[in-house]
C-alpha cells in the first residue's frame, strides 16, 4: 500500500511540475519543493499508520496479570483471547 501511495504522489508531483516550467524557474522550483514536502508528510503519515497497525496486531492479552493488555476493556479470563488459556479453565 505504501509503495502505491508514494508512486501516485510522485506521479502527481511530476505532472504538477511540468506546466510550471513555463511560469518561471523560481515558481516551478517552489512548487516542486512544496510537492516534495507534501510527499514527505504523506510518507510519514503512511509509516505511522503501518506502525500503529503493527502494534495493534501485536497486542495480546496476558491472561494472568489483572490488566487489560489489548485495550478491549476485558481483563484476563473475561477476555475472549483467554478462552484457551489453562489459567482460565477454557472459559471466559
PDB file of N, CA and C in Angstrom:
ATOM      1  N   UNK A   1       0.829  -1.185   0.000  1.00  0.00           N
ATOM      2  CA  UNK A   1       0.000   0.000   0.000  1.00  0.00           C
ATOM      3  C   UNK A   1       0.873   1.249   0.000  1.00  0.00           C
ATOM      4  N   UNK A   2       1.907   1.237   0.805  1.00  0.00           N
ATOM      5  CA  UNK A   2       2.780   2.390   0.913  1.00  0.00           C
ATOM      6  C   UNK A   2       3.420   2.704  -0.422  1.00  0.00           C
ATOM      7  N   UNK A   3       3.850   1.692  -1.137  1.00  0.00           N
ATOM      8  CA  UNK A   3       4.505   1.889  -2.413  1.00  0.00           C
ATOM      9  C   UNK A   3       3.556   2.525  -3.416  1.00  0.00           C
ATOM     10  N   UNK A   4       2.323   2.066  -3.463  1.00  0.00           N
ATOM     11  CA  UNK A   4       1.390   2.612  -4.437  1.00  0.00           C
ATOM     12  C   UNK A   4       1.030   4.062  -4.118  1.00  0.00           C
ATOM     13  N   UNK A   5       0.890   4.413  -2.866  1.00  0.00           N
ATOM     14  CA  UNK A   5       0.594   5.801  -2.495  1.00  0.00           C
ATOM     15  C   UNK A   5       1.767   6.689  -2.887  1.00  0.00           C
ATOM     16  N   UNK A   6       2.982   6.241  -2.591  1.00  0.00           N
ATOM     17  CA  UNK A   6       4.157   7.029  -2.941  1.00  0.00           C
ATOM     18  C   UNK A   6       4.282   7.170  -4.459  1.00  0.00           C
ATOM     19  N   UNK A   7       3.996   6.124  -5.207  1.00  0.00           N
ATOM     20  CA  UNK A   7       4.068   6.192  -6.662  1.00  0.00           C
ATOM     21  C   UNK A   7       3.077   7.207  -7.209  1.00  0.00           C
ATOM     22  N   UNK A   8       1.887   7.217  -6.662  1.00  0.00           N
ATOM     23  CA  UNK A   8       0.861   8.170  -7.092  1.00  0.00           C
ATOM     24  C   UNK A   8       1.303   9.590  -6.788  1.00  0.00           C
ATOM     25  N   UNK A   9       1.833   9.808  -5.594  1.00  0.00           N
ATOM     26  CA  UNK A   9       2.264  11.154  -5.223  1.00  0.00           C
ATOM     27  C   UNK A   9       3.433  11.633  -6.070  1.00  0.00           C
ATOM     28  N   UNK A  10       4.352  10.749  -6.385  1.00  0.00           N
ATOM     29  CA  UNK A  10       5.470  11.124  -7.249  1.00  0.00           C
ATOM     30  C   UNK A  10       4.958  11.486  -8.634  1.00  0.00           C
ATOM     31  N   UNK A  11       4.040  10.684  -9.151  1.00  0.00           N
ATOM     32  CA  UNK A  11       3.464  10.967 -10.470  1.00  0.00           C
ATOM     33  C   UNK A  11       2.751  12.320 -10.469  1.00  0.00           C
ATOM     34  N   UNK A  12       2.001  12.603  -9.421  1.00  0.00           N
ATOM     35  CA  UNK A  12       1.311  13.892  -9.328  1.00  0.00           C
ATOM     36  C   UNK A  12       2.308  15.038  -9.250  1.00  0.00           C
ATOM     37  N   UNK A  13       3.403  14.840  -8.548  1.00  0.00           N
ATOM     38  CA  UNK A  13       4.425  15.871  -8.442  1.00  0.00           C
ATOM     39  C   UNK A  13       4.999  16.177  -9.816  1.00  0.00           C
ATOM     40  N   UNK A  14       5.290  15.146 -10.592  1.00  0.00           N
ATOM     41  CA  UNK A  14       5.841  15.336 -11.933  1.00  0.00           C
ATOM     42  C   UNK A  14       4.820  16.028 -12.825  1.00  0.00           C
ATOM     43  N   UNK A  15       3.575  15.599 -12.756  1.00  0.00           N
ATOM     44  CA  UNK A  15       2.520  16.192 -13.583  1.00  0.00           C
ATOM     45  C   UNK A  15       2.323  17.661 -13.230  1.00  0.00           C
ATOM     46  N   UNK A  16       2.317  17.961 -11.916  1.00  0.00           N
ATOM     47  CA  UNK A  16       2.101  19.342 -11.483  1.00  0.00           C
ATOM     48  C   UNK A  16       3.296  20.225 -11.816  1.00  0.00           C
ATOM     49  N   UNK A  17       4.502  19.689 -11.782  1.00  0.00           N
ATOM     50  CA  UNK A  17       5.702  20.482 -12.020  1.00  0.00           C
ATOM     51  C   UNK A  17       5.890  20.804 -13.502  1.00  0.00           C
ATOM     52  N   UNK A  18       5.400  19.929 -14.398  1.00  0.00           N
ATOM     53  CA  UNK A  18       5.588  20.128 -15.832  1.00  0.00           C
ATOM     54  C   UNK A  18       5.121  21.475 -16.345  1.00  0.00           C
ATOM     55  N   UNK A  19       3.848  21.842 -16.184  1.00  0.00           N
ATOM     56  CA  UNK A  19       3.357  23.120 -16.700  1.00  0.00           C
ATOM     57  C   UNK A  19       4.006  24.327 -16.030  1.00  0.00           C
ATOM     58  N   UNK A  20       4.509  24.147 -14.861  1.00  0.00           N
ATOM     59  CA  UNK A  20       5.092  25.273 -14.143  1.00  0.00           C
ATOM     60  C   UNK A  20       6.417  25.725 -14.740  1.00  0.00           C
ATOM     61  N   UNK A  21       7.037  24.907 -15.566  1.00  0.00           N
ATOM     62  CA  UNK A  21       8.306  25.283 -16.188  1.00  0.00           C
ATOM     63  C   UNK A  21       8.128  26.525 -17.057  1.00  0.00           C
ATOM     64  N   UNK A  22       6.931  26.690 -17.594  1.00  0.00           N
ATOM     65  CA  UNK A  22       6.652  27.862 -18.411  1.00  0.00           C
ATOM     66  C   UNK A  22       6.387  29.102 -17.569  1.00  0.00           C
ATOM     67  N   UNK A  23       6.061  28.940 -16.319  1.00  0.00           N
ATOM     68  CA  UNK A  23       5.727  30.071 -15.457  1.00  0.00           C
ATOM     69  C   UNK A  23       6.969  30.715 -14.864  1.00  0.00           C
ATOM     70  N   UNK A  24       8.090  30.112 -15.036  1.00  0.00           N
ATOM     71  CA  UNK A  24       9.320  30.673 -14.492  1.00  0.00           C
ATOM     72  C   UNK A  24      10.001  29.678 -13.578  1.00  0.00           C
ATOM     73  N   UNK A  25      11.294  29.713 -13.593  1.00  0.00           N
ATOM     74  CA  UNK A  25      12.085  28.744 -12.846  1.00  0.00           C
ATOM     75  C   UNK A  25      11.825  28.839 -11.343  1.00  0.00           C
ATOM     76  N   UNK A  26      11.721  30.038 -10.800  1.00  0.00           N
ATOM     77  CA  UNK A  26      11.512  30.194  -9.355  1.00  0.00           C
ATOM     78  C   UNK A  26      10.177  29.610  -8.914  1.00  0.00           C
ATOM     79  N   UNK A  27       9.141  29.895  -9.658  1.00  0.00           N
ATOM     80  CA  UNK A  27       7.823  29.371  -9.308  1.00  0.00           C
ATOM     81  C   UNK A  27       7.802  27.848  -9.440  1.00  0.00           C
ATOM     82  N   UNK A  28       8.438  27.339 -10.457  1.00  0.00           N
ATOM     83  CA  UNK A  28       8.484  25.893 -10.654  1.00  0.00           C
ATOM     84  C   UNK A  28       9.222  25.224  -9.513  1.00  0.00           C
ATOM     85  N   UNK A  29      10.354  25.801  -9.126  1.00  0.00           N
ATOM     86  CA  UNK A  29      11.133  25.231  -8.027  1.00  0.00           C
ATOM     87  C   UNK A  29      10.349  25.277  -6.722  1.00  0.00           C
ATOM     88  N   UNK A  30       9.633  26.371  -6.493  1.00  0.00           N
ATOM     89  CA  UNK A  30       8.824  26.499  -5.284  1.00  0.00           C
ATOM     90  C   UNK A  30       7.730  25.433  -5.245  1.00  0.00           C
ATOM     91  N   UNK A  31       7.077  25.192  -6.384  1.00  0.00           N
ATOM     92  CA  UNK A  31       6.014  24.186  -6.444  1.00  0.00           C
ATOM     93  C   UNK A  31       6.579  22.786  -6.238  1.00  0.00           C
ATOM     94  N   UNK A  32       7.732  22.505  -6.833  1.00  0.00           N
ATOM     95  CA  UNK A  32       8.359  21.196  -6.658  1.00  0.00           C
ATOM     96  C   UNK A  32       8.731  20.997  -5.190  1.00  0.00           C
ATOM     97  N   UNK A  33       9.247  22.043  -4.557  1.00  0.00           N
ATOM     98  CA  UNK A  33       9.602  21.955  -3.135  1.00  0.00           C
ATOM     99  C   UNK A  33       8.367  21.682  -2.289  1.00  0.00           C
ATOM    100  N   UNK A  34       7.274  22.392  -2.563  1.00  0.00           N
ATOM    101  CA  UNK A  34       6.033  22.160  -1.824  1.00  0.00           C
ATOM    102  C   UNK A  34       5.517  20.741  -2.046  1.00  0.00           C
ATOM    103  N   UNK A  35       5.594  20.264  -3.278  1.00  0.00           N
ATOM    104  CA  UNK A  35       5.149  18.905  -3.580  1.00  0.00           C
ATOM    105  C   UNK A  35       6.005  17.875  -2.849  1.00  0.00           C
ATOM    106  N   UNK A  36       7.308  18.134  -2.806  1.00  0.00           N
ATOM    107  CA  UNK A  36       8.211  17.223  -2.093  1.00  0.00           C
ATOM    108  C   UNK A  36       7.899  17.207  -0.599  1.00  0.00           C
ATOM    109  N   UNK A  37       7.587  18.372  -0.040  1.00  0.00           N
ATOM    110  CA  UNK A  37       7.220  18.440   1.381  1.00  0.00           C
ATOM    111  C   UNK A  37       5.933  17.665   1.636  1.00  0.00           C
ATOM    112  N   UNK A  38       4.958  17.820   0.751  1.00  0.00           N
ATOM    113  CA  UNK A  38       3.700  17.086   0.878  1.00  0.00           C
ATOM    114  C   UNK A  38       3.952  15.590   0.779  1.00  0.00           C
ATOM    115  N   UNK A  39       4.803  15.191  -0.153  1.00  0.00           N
ATOM    116  CA  UNK A  39       5.152  13.787  -0.322  1.00  0.00           C
ATOM    117  C   UNK A  39       5.801  13.241   0.947  1.00  0.00           C
ATOM    118  N   UNK A  40       6.702  14.008   1.539  1.00  0.00           N
ATOM    119  CA  UNK A  40       7.368  13.590   2.778  1.00  0.00           C
ATOM    120  C   UNK A  40       6.364  13.445   3.908  1.00  0.00           C
ATOM    121  N   UNK A  41       5.478  14.427   4.066  1.00  0.00           N
ATOM    122  CA  UNK A  41       4.466  14.370   5.123  1.00  0.00           C
ATOM    123  C   UNK A  41       3.541  13.169   4.928  1.00  0.00           C
ATOM    124  N   UNK A  42       3.141  12.918   3.691  1.00  0.00           N
ATOM    125  CA  UNK A  42       2.265  11.786   3.405  1.00  0.00           C
ATOM    126  C   UNK A  42       2.982  10.470   3.683  1.00  0.00           C
ATOM    127  N   UNK A  43       4.242  10.397   3.298  1.00  0.00           N
ATOM    128  CA  UNK A  43       5.030   9.194   3.543  1.00  0.00           C
ATOM    129  C   UNK A  43       5.150   8.932   5.039  1.00  0.00           C
ATOM    130  N   UNK A  44       5.387   9.987   5.820  1.00  0.00           N
ATOM    131  CA  UNK A  44       5.477   9.839   7.277  1.00  0.00           C
ATOM    132  C   UNK A  44       4.150   9.387   7.859  1.00  0.00           C
ATOM    133  N   UNK A  45       3.039   9.919   7.336  1.00  0.00           N
ATOM    134  CA  UNK A  45       1.719   9.527   7.824  1.00  0.00           C
ATOM    135  C   UNK A  45       1.453   8.053   7.520  1.00  0.00           C
ATOM    136  N   UNK A  46       1.843   7.608   6.334  1.00  0.00           N
ATOM    137  CA  UNK A  46       1.657   6.201   5.962  1.00  0.00           C
ATOM    138  C   UNK A  46       2.480   5.312   6.884  1.00  0.00           C
ATOM    139  N   UNK A  47       3.717   5.719   7.173  1.00  0.00           N
ATOM    140  CA  UNK A  47       4.563   4.945   8.075  1.00  0.00           C
ATOM    141  C   UNK A  47       3.944   4.866   9.471  1.00  0.00           C
ATOM    142  N   UNK A  48       3.368   5.978   9.949  1.00  0.00           N
ATOM    143  CA  UNK A  48       2.729   5.976  11.271  1.00  0.00           C
ATOM    144  C   UNK A  48       1.542   5.016  11.293  1.00  0.00           C
ATOM    145  N   UNK A  49       0.766   4.988  10.225  1.00  0.00           N
ATOM    146  CA  UNK A  49      -0.375   4.078  10.146  1.00  0.00           C
ATOM    147  C   UNK A  49       0.109   2.633  10.166  1.00  0.00           C
ATOM    148  N   UNK A  50       1.169   2.363   9.422  1.00  0.00           N
ATOM    149  CA  UNK A  50       1.700   0.997   9.390  1.00  0.00           C
ATOM    150  C   UNK A  50       2.209   0.565  10.761  1.00  0.00           C
ATOM    151  N   UNK A  51       2.890   1.466  11.470  1.00  0.00           N
ATOM    152  CA  UNK A  51       3.392   1.141  12.809  1.00  0.00           C
ATOM    153  C   UNK A  51       2.233   0.918  13.762  1.00  0.00           C
ATOM    154  N   UNK A  52       1.207   1.764  13.688  1.00  0.00           N
ATOM    155  CA  UNK A  52       0.033   1.615  14.539  1.00  0.00           C
ATOM    156  C   UNK A  52      -0.656   0.282  14.280  1.00  0.00           C
ATOM    157  N   UNK A  53      -0.812  -0.063  13.004  1.00  0.00           N
ATOM    158  CA  UNK A  53      -1.424  -1.348  12.655  1.00  0.00           C
ATOM    159  C   UNK A  53      -0.596  -2.515  13.178  1.00  0.00           C
ATOM    160  N   UNK A  54       0.718  -2.401  13.066  1.00  0.00           N
ATOM    161  CA  UNK A  54       1.601  -3.464  13.545  1.00  0.00           C
ATOM    162  C   UNK A  54       1.493  -3.612  15.058  1.00  0.00           C
ATOM    163  N   UNK A  55       1.485  -2.490  15.778  1.00  0.00           N
ATOM    164  CA  UNK A  55       1.362  -2.555  17.235  1.00  0.00           C
ATOM    165  C   UNK A  55       0.020  -3.138  17.659  1.00  0.00           C
ATOM    166  N   UNK A  56      -1.036  -2.776  16.957  1.00  0.00           N
ATOM    167  CA  UNK A  56      -2.356  -3.319  17.273  1.00  0.00           C
ATOM    168  C   UNK A  56      -2.379  -4.828  17.049  1.00  0.00           C
ATOM    169  N   UNK A  57      -1.727  -5.265  15.984  1.00  0.00           N
ATOM    170  CA  UNK A  57      -1.697  -6.697  15.695  1.00  0.00           C
ATOM    171  C   UNK A  57      -0.883  -7.462  16.733  1.00  0.00           C
ATOM    172  N   UNK A  58       0.139  -6.805  17.275  1.00  0.00           N
ATOM    173  CA  UNK A  58       0.997  -7.456  18.256  1.00  0.00           C
ATOM    174  C   UNK A  58       0.398  -7.461  19.666  1.00  0.00           C
ATOM    175  N   UNK A  59      -0.567  -6.578  19.932  1.00  0.00           N
ATOM    176  CA  UNK A  59      -1.169  -6.503  21.257  1.00  0.00           C
ATOM    177  C   UNK A  59      -1.944  -7.788  21.538  1.00  0.00           C
ATOM    178  N   UNK A  60      -1.662  -8.376  22.660  1.00  0.00           N
ATOM    179  CA  UNK A  60      -2.397  -9.570  23.046  1.00  0.00           C
ATOM    180  C   UNK A  60      -2.604  -9.554  24.554  1.00  0.00           C
ATOM    181  N   UNK A  61      -3.607 -10.255  24.973  1.00  0.00           N
ATOM    182  CA  UNK A  61      -3.960 -10.293  26.388  1.00  0.00           C
ATOM    183  C   UNK A  61      -3.066 -11.271  27.141  1.00  0.00           C
ATOM    184  N   UNK A  62      -2.456 -10.796  28.223  1.00  0.00           N
ATOM    185  CA  UNK A  62      -1.765 -11.668  29.174  1.00  0.00           C
ATOM    186  C   UNK A  62      -2.854 -12.089  30.149  1.00  0.00           C
ATOM    187  N   UNK A  63      -3.158 -13.360  30.185  1.00  0.00           N
ATOM    188  CA  UNK A  63      -4.312 -13.862  30.931  1.00  0.00           C
ATOM    189  C   UNK A  63      -4.056 -14.018  32.428  1.00  0.00           C
ATOM    190  N   UNK A  64      -2.940 -13.521  32.922  1.00  0.00           N
ATOM    191  CA  UNK A  64      -2.610 -13.732  34.331  1.00  0.00           C
ATOM    192  C   UNK A  64      -2.155 -12.479  35.072  1.00  0.00           C
ATOM    193  N   UNK A  65      -2.283 -11.284  34.488  1.00  0.00           N
ATOM    194  CA  UNK A  65      -1.695 -10.112  35.131  1.00  0.00           C
ATOM    195  C   UNK A  65      -2.696  -9.059  35.626  1.00  0.00           C
ATOM    196  N   UNK A  66      -3.965  -9.366  35.624  1.00  0.00           N
ATOM    197  CA  UNK A  66      -5.012  -8.452  36.100  1.00  0.00           C
ATOM    198  C   UNK A  66      -4.980  -7.096  35.398  1.00  0.00           C
ATOM    199  N   UNK A  67      -4.673  -7.125  34.109  1.00  0.00           N
ATOM    200  CA  UNK A  67      -4.628  -5.889  33.326  1.00  0.00           C
ATOM    201  C   UNK A  67      -5.261  -6.125  31.961  1.00  0.00           C
ATOM    202  N   UNK A  68      -5.747  -5.042  31.377  1.00  0.00           N
ATOM    203  CA  UNK A  68      -6.300  -5.094  30.027  1.00  0.00           C
ATOM    204  C   UNK A  68      -5.161  -4.807  29.051  1.00  0.00           C
ATOM    205  N   UNK A  69      -4.473  -5.843  28.612  1.00  0.00           N
ATOM    206  CA  UNK A  69      -3.284  -5.682  27.783  1.00  0.00           C
ATOM    207  C   UNK A  69      -3.587  -5.316  26.339  1.00  0.00           C
ATOM    208  N   UNK A  70      -4.727  -5.718  25.829  1.00  0.00           N
ATOM    209  CA  UNK A  70      -5.022  -5.468  24.420  1.00  0.00           C
ATOM    210  C   UNK A  70      -6.041  -4.352  24.203  1.00  0.00           C
ATOM    211  N   UNK A  71      -6.429  -3.666  25.269  1.00  0.00           N
ATOM    212  CA  UNK A  71      -7.268  -2.477  25.146  1.00  0.00           C
ATOM    213  C   UNK A  71      -8.711  -2.719  24.768  1.00  0.00           C
ATOM    214  N   UNK A  72      -9.237  -3.916  25.036  1.00  0.00           N
ATOM    215  CA  UNK A  72     -10.635  -4.180  24.686  1.00  0.00           C
ATOM    216  C   UNK A  72     -11.568  -4.107  25.891  1.00  0.00           C
ATOM    217  N   UNK A  73     -11.055  -3.558  26.994  1.00  0.00           N
ATOM    218  CA  UNK A  73     -11.814  -3.343  28.235  1.00  0.00           C
ATOM    219  C   UNK A  73     -12.224  -4.645  28.918  1.00  0.00           C
ATOM    220  N   UNK A  74     -11.535  -5.726  28.606  1.00  0.00           N
ATOM    221  CA  UNK A  74     -11.772  -7.010  29.273  1.00  0.00           C
ATOM    222  C   UNK A  74     -10.445  -7.457  29.871  1.00  0.00           C
ATOM    223  N   UNK A  75     -10.496  -7.948  31.095  1.00  0.00           N
ATOM    224  CA  UNK A  75      -9.283  -8.298  31.831  1.00  0.00           C
ATOM    225  C   UNK A  75      -9.188  -9.809  31.970  1.00  0.00           C
ATOM    226  N   UNK A  76      -7.998 -10.314  31.689  1.00  0.00           N
ATOM    227  CA  UNK A  76      -7.639 -11.708  31.877  1.00  0.00           C
ATOM    228  C   UNK A  76      -8.728 -12.666  31.392  1.00  0.00           C
ATOM    229  N   UNK A  77      -9.250 -13.513  32.248  1.00  0.00           N
ATOM    230  CA  UNK A  77     -10.182 -14.565  31.837  1.00  0.00           C
ATOM    231  C   UNK A  77     -11.511 -14.028  31.306  1.00  0.00           C
ATOM    232  N   UNK A  78     -11.803 -12.749  31.514  1.00  0.00           N
ATOM    233  CA  UNK A  78     -13.007 -12.146  30.932  1.00  0.00           C
ATOM    234  C   UNK A  78     -12.813 -11.884  29.439  1.00  0.00           C
ATOM    235  N   UNK A  79     -11.558 -11.846  29.008  1.00  0.00           N
ATOM    236  CA  UNK A  79     -11.224 -11.550  27.623  1.00  0.00           C
ATOM    237  C   UNK A  79     -11.362 -12.817  26.767  1.00  0.00           C
ATOM    238  N   UNK A  80     -11.997 -12.679  25.618  1.00  0.00           N
ATOM    239  CA  UNK A  80     -12.164 -13.837  24.737  1.00  0.00           C
ATOM    240  C   UNK A  80     -10.829 -14.367  24.224  1.00  0.00           C
ATOM    241  N   UNK A  81      -9.777 -13.550  24.268  1.00  0.00           N
ATOM    242  CA  UNK A  81      -8.447 -14.017  23.864  1.00  0.00           C
ATOM    243  C   UNK A  81      -7.915 -15.083  24.816  1.00  0.00           C
ATOM    244  N   UNK A  82      -8.495 -15.192  26.008  1.00  0.00           N
ATOM    245  CA  UNK A  82      -8.006 -16.129  27.021  1.00  0.00           C
ATOM    246  C   UNK A  82      -8.827 -17.411  27.098  1.00  0.00           C
ATOM    247  N   UNK A  83      -9.734 -17.603  26.171  1.00  0.00           N
ATOM    248  CA  UNK A  83     -10.634 -18.751  26.232  1.00  0.00           C
ATOM    249  C   UNK A  83      -9.872 -20.082  26.268  1.00  0.00           C
ATOM    250  N   UNK A  84      -8.739 -20.165  25.614  1.00  0.00           N
ATOM    251  CA  UNK A  84      -7.949 -21.390  25.567  1.00  0.00           C
ATOM    252  C   UNK A  84      -6.849 -21.430  26.641  1.00  0.00           C
ATOM    253  N   UNK A  85      -6.710 -20.371  27.397  1.00  0.00           N
ATOM    254  CA  UNK A  85      -5.620 -20.318  28.386  1.00  0.00           C
ATOM    255  C   UNK A  85      -5.917 -21.269  29.539  1.00  0.00           C
ATOM    256  N   UNK A  86      -4.928 -22.094  29.938  1.00  0.00           N
ATOM    257  CA  UNK A  86      -5.142 -23.040  31.020  1.00  0.00           C
ATOM    258  C   UNK A  86      -5.499 -22.370  32.342  1.00  0.00           C
ATOM    259  N   UNK A  87      -5.056 -21.139  32.547  1.00  0.00           N
ATOM    260  CA  UNK A  87      -5.385 -20.407  33.779  1.00  0.00           C
ATOM    261  C   UNK A  87      -6.861 -20.036  33.853  1.00  0.00           C
ATOM    262  N   UNK A  88      -7.517 -20.040  32.728  1.00  0.00           N
ATOM    263  CA  UNK A  88      -8.927 -19.666  32.684  1.00  0.00           C
ATOM    264  C   UNK A  88      -9.839 -20.882  32.546  1.00  0.00           C
ATOM    265  N   UNK A  89      -9.277 -22.045  32.564  1.00  0.00           N
ATOM    266  CA  UNK A  89     -10.016 -23.311  32.508  1.00  0.00           C
ATOM    267  C   UNK A  89     -10.946 -23.366  31.296  1.00  0.00           C
ATOM    268  N   UNK A  90     -10.459 -22.802  30.156  1.00  0.00           N
ATOM    269  CA  UNK A  90     -11.212 -22.914  28.905  1.00  0.00           C
ATOM    270  C   UNK A  90     -12.436 -22.038  28.835  1.00  0.00           C
ATOM    271  N   UNK A  91     -12.621 -21.128  29.748  1.00  0.00           N
ATOM    272  CA  UNK A  91     -13.799 -20.260  29.694  1.00  0.00           C
ATOM    273  C   UNK A  91     -13.426 -18.822  29.923  1.00  0.00           C
ATOM    274  N   UNK A  92     -14.379 -17.971  29.730  1.00  0.00           N
ATOM    275  CA  UNK A  92     -14.152 -16.543  29.958  1.00  0.00           C
ATOM    276  C   UNK A  92     -15.386 -15.927  30.547  1.00  0.00           C
TER     277      UNK A  92
END
